[in-house]
Amino acid sequence: MLHLFLLRIVKRTLGLVCAKFIVFSQFWAQPGAEVVEPIAYHCYLPTHR
């Protein structure tokens, strides 16, 4: 039970971190943004099925 609870917290935390990466990549007007955004997007999606 505790394991599932901790897993949920970890998933939520990862989701928030990835969301920040998405926002950061959108304001990051450099060629690297095209690489960072898809990675962050794919990282964020699995936590919100």
C-alpha atoms as a PDB file:
ATOM      1  CA  MET A   1       0.000   0.000   0.000  1.00  0.00           C
ATOM      2  CA  LEU A   2       2.758   2.402   0.972  1.00  0.00           C
ATOM      3  CA  HIS A   3       4.703   1.349  -2.130  1.00  0.00           C
ATOM      4  CA  LEU A   4       1.833   2.385  -4.413  1.00  0.00           C
ATOM      5  CA  PHE A   5       1.472   5.678  -2.567  1.00  0.00           C
ATOM      6  CA  LEU A   6       5.171   6.479  -2.976  1.00  0.00           C
ATOM      7  CA  LEU A   7       5.034   5.474  -6.632  1.00  0.00           C
ATOM      8  CA  ARG A   8       2.161   7.910  -7.157  1.00  0.00           C
ATOM      9  CA  ILE A   9       4.146  10.728  -5.528  1.00  0.00           C
ATOM     10  CA  VAL A  10       7.192   9.946  -7.659  1.00  0.00           C
ATOM     11  CA  LYS A  11       5.079   9.913 -10.834  1.00  0.00           C
ATOM     12  CA  ARG A  12       3.476  13.237  -9.931  1.00  0.00           C
ATOM     13  CA  THR A  13       6.850  14.788  -9.151  1.00  0.00           C
ATOM     14  CA  LEU A  14       8.290  13.563 -12.445  1.00  0.00           C
ATOM     15  CA  GLY A  15       5.237  14.935 -14.227  1.00  0.00           C
ATOM     16  CA  LEU A  16       5.751  18.372 -12.684  1.00  0.00           C
ATOM     17  CA  VAL A  17       9.461  18.362 -13.524  1.00  0.00           C
ATOM     18  CA  CYS A  18       8.691  17.394 -17.117  1.00  0.00           C
ATOM     19  CA  ALA A  19       6.015  20.092 -17.310  1.00  0.00           C
ATOM     20  CA  LYS A  20       8.625  22.650 -16.263  1.00  0.00           C
ATOM     21  CA  PHE A  21      10.910  21.336 -19.005  1.00  0.00           C
ATOM     22  CA  ILE A  22       8.095  21.838 -21.539  1.00  0.00           C
ATOM     23  CA  VAL A  23       7.507  25.428 -20.408  1.00  0.00           C
ATOM     24  CA  PHE A  24      11.256  26.078 -20.335  1.00  0.00           C
ATOM     25  CA  SER A  25      11.742  24.680 -23.835  1.00  0.00           C
ATOM     26  CA  GLN A  26       8.970  26.893 -25.195  1.00  0.00           C
ATOM     27  CA  PHE A  27      10.691  30.040 -23.899  1.00  0.00           C
ATOM     28  CA  TRP A  28      14.123  28.764 -24.899  1.00  0.00           C
ATOM     29  CA  ALA A  29      14.533  30.317 -28.359  1.00  0.00           C
ATOM     30  CA  GLN A  30      17.527  28.228 -29.400  1.00  0.00           C
ATOM     31  CA  PRO A  31      17.977  25.277 -31.801  1.00  0.00           C
ATOM     32  CA  GLY A  32      18.197  22.918 -28.808  1.00  0.00           C
ATOM     33  CA  ALA A  33      14.541  23.580 -27.952  1.00  0.00           C
ATOM     34  CA  GLU A  34      13.394  21.307 -30.788  1.00  0.00           C
ATOM     35  CA  VAL A  35      15.264  18.458 -29.116  1.00  0.00           C
ATOM     36  CA  VAL A  36      14.266  19.191 -25.513  1.00  0.00           C
ATOM     37  CA  GLU A  37      10.538  19.685 -26.073  1.00  0.00           C
ATOM     38  CA  PRO A  38       9.689  16.257 -27.592  1.00  0.00           C
ATOM     39  CA  ILE A  39      11.653  14.517 -24.832  1.00  0.00           C
ATOM     40  CA  ALA A  40       9.869  16.500 -22.115  1.00  0.00           C
ATOM     41  CA  TYR A  41       6.515  15.935 -23.817  1.00  0.00           C
ATOM     42  CA  HIS A  42       6.972  12.155 -23.981  1.00  0.00           C
ATOM     43  CA  CYS A  43       8.141  12.188 -20.366  1.00  0.00           C
ATOM     44  CA  TYR A  44       5.049  14.114 -19.252  1.00  0.00           C
ATOM     45  CA  LEU A  45       2.399  12.120 -21.129  1.00  0.00           C
ATOM     46  CA  PRO A  46       2.812   8.684 -19.474  1.00  0.00           C
ATOM     47  CA  THR A  47       2.082  10.152 -16.027  1.00  0.00           C
ATOM     48  CA  HIS A  48      -1.385  11.350 -17.115  1.00  0.00           C
ATOM     49  CA  ARG A  49      -3.116   8.411 -18.777  1.00  0.00           C
END
